[in-house]
Protein backbone atom coordinates (compact mmCIF):
# COMPACT_ATOMS: atom_id res chain seq x y z
CA ALA A 1 -10.39 7.72 5.77
CA ALA A 2 -13.11 8.10 3.15
CA LEU A 3 -14.12 11.49 4.55
CA TYR A 4 -10.56 12.78 4.35
CA GLU A 5 -10.37 11.38 0.84
CA GLU A 6 -13.55 13.23 -0.17
CA LYS A 7 -12.15 16.47 1.25
CA GLY A 8 -8.93 16.03 -0.74
CA GLN A 9 -6.83 15.46 2.36
CA GLN A 10 -4.79 12.59 0.96
CA GLU A 11 -2.16 12.53 3.71
CA LYS A 12 -4.76 12.24 6.47
CA ALA A 13 -6.62 9.58 4.48
CA ALA A 14 -3.37 7.64 4.05
CA GLN A 15 -2.71 7.85 7.79
CA CYS A 16 -6.18 6.47 8.53
CA TYR A 17 -5.85 3.64 6.03
CA PHE A 18 -2.44 2.72 7.43
CA ARG A 19 -3.80 2.82 10.99
CA HIS A 20 -6.57 0.46 9.87
CA LEU A 21 -3.94 -2.01 8.65
CA GLU A 22 -2.04 -1.72 11.93
CA LEU A 23 -5.20 -2.32 13.97
CA ARG A 24 -6.20 -5.23 11.77
CA HIS A 25 -2.79 -6.78 12.38
CA GLN A 26 -3.15 -6.25 16.15
CA VAL A 27 -6.57 -7.93 16.16
CA THR A 28 -5.29 -10.86 14.10
CA TYR A 29 -2.08 -11.25 16.14
CA PRO A 30 -2.85 -9.86 19.62
CA ASN A 31 0.40 -11.15 21.14
CA ALA A 32 2.59 -9.66 18.42
CA THR A 33 2.47 -6.13 19.87
CA ALA A 34 4.50 -7.26 22.86
CA THR A 35 7.59 -7.76 20.69
CA GLY A 36 7.79 -4.11 19.63
CA PRO A 37 7.21 -2.17 16.42
CA LYS A 38 7.17 -4.02 13.13
CA THR A 39 8.51 -3.00 9.75
CA LEU A 40 6.16 -2.19 6.88
CA ASP A 41 7.27 -5.37 5.12
CA PHE A 42 6.45 -7.47 8.20
CA LEU A 43 3.06 -5.82 8.60
CA LEU A 44 2.14 -6.38 4.97
CA GLN A 45 3.24 -10.01 5.00
CA HIS A 46 1.13 -10.79 8.07
CA ILE A 47 -2.08 -8.91 7.34
CA VAL A 48 -5.25 -10.77 6.45
CA VAL A 49 -6.59 -9.12 3.30
CA GLU A 50 -10.35 -8.75 3.05
CA ASP A 51 -12.36 -6.04 1.29
CA ALA A 52 -11.50 -3.19 3.68
CA GLU A 53 -7.81 -4.08 3.69
CA ALA A 54 -7.73 -4.34 -0.11
CA GLU A 55 -9.20 -0.84 -0.31
CA ALA A 56 -6.61 0.44 2.15
CA LEU A 57 -3.72 -1.26 0.36
CA LEU A 58 -4.76 0.12 -3.02
CA TYR A 59 -5.23 3.63 -1.66
CA LEU A 60 -1.84 3.53 0.05
CA ALA A 61 -0.19 2.21 -3.12
CA ASN A 62 -1.63 5.14 -5.10
CA TYR A 63 -0.71 7.61 -2.37
CA HIS A 64 2.94 6.50 -2.27
CA LYS A 65 3.13 6.37 -6.09
CA ASN A 66 1.94 9.97 -6.22
CA GLN A 67 4.59 10.88 -3.62
CA GLY A 68 7.27 9.36 -5.84
CA GLN A 69 7.87 6.53 -3.35
CA TYR A 70 7.74 3.77 -5.93
CA ASP A 71 9.30 1.02 -3.81
CA THR A 72 6.76 1.56 -1.04
CA ALA A 73 3.91 1.70 -3.54
CA ALA A 74 5.12 -1.59 -5.04
CA MET A 75 5.12 -3.20 -1.59
CA PHE A 76 1.44 -2.33 -1.13
CA CYS A 77 0.61 -3.54 -4.65
CA SER A 78 2.45 -6.80 -4.17
CA ARG A 79 0.23 -7.69 -1.25
CA LEU A 80 -2.84 -7.48 -3.52
CA ILE A 81 -1.53 -9.87 -6.19
CA GLU A 82 -3.16 -12.87 -4.51
CA TYR A 83 -6.39 -11.05 -3.65
CA PRO A 84 -9.32 -12.31 -5.77
CA GLY A 85 -11.03 -8.93 -6.33
CA PRO A 86 -10.64 -6.19 -8.93
CA GLU A 87 -7.96 -4.63 -6.74
CA ARG A 88 -5.60 -7.40 -7.92
CA ASP A 89 -5.87 -6.22 -11.54
CA MET A 90 -5.44 -2.60 -10.51
CA ALA A 91 -2.38 -3.53 -8.44
CA LYS A 92 -0.86 -5.48 -11.36
CA ALA A 93 -1.38 -2.49 -13.66
CA MET A 94 0.17 -0.16 -11.11
CA LEU A 95 3.18 -2.46 -10.70
CA ARG A 96 3.74 -2.32 -14.47
CA GLU A 97 3.47 1.48 -14.35
CA LEU A 98 5.88 1.68 -11.42
CA ARG A 99 8.43 -0.51 -13.20
CA ALA A 100 8.16 1.66 -16.32
CA ARG A 101 8.67 4.83 -14.28
CA VAL A 102 11.73 3.40 -12.55
CA GLU A 103 13.19 2.20 -15.87
CA THR A 104 12.57 5.61 -17.46
CA ALA A 105 14.17 7.37 -14.51
CA ASN A 106 17.23 5.12 -14.77
CA LEU A 107 17.80 5.69 -18.49
CA PRO A 108 20.91 7.72 -19.28
CA SER A 109 20.02 11.16 -20.58
CA LYS A 110 20.91 11.98 -24.16
CA GLY A 111 22.99 15.01 -24.77
C-alpha cells in the first residue's frame, strides 16, 4: 500500500489497506468467513486495531473524505476514537471537519 501511496495511486493504496483489514479480520476470526461476506460496519466493529490497522483506517478515512464519501470516512474515523496513538487525535479532527462539511452542504442557499 505504501508503494502505491508513494506513486500517487490512491485508489490502489486504498484497496491494499482495505484488504489488510479484511485479512486481519480473517486471522482474528478464522471461522467467521464461513458465514459469508460482512458489511463494512461489521468489519470495522470486529477488527483488532494495532499500529498497522490504525494506519490503514486513517488512510482509508482520508481517501473516502477526498472522494466525498463523508459517511464512510466517518466510519473509519470512529474506529480510531479509542485507539491510544496520534491517529485518535487525527481521527477526531477529521470527524469535526466532516461534520462541518456536511452541515455546510445542508445549509439552504441564499438567493
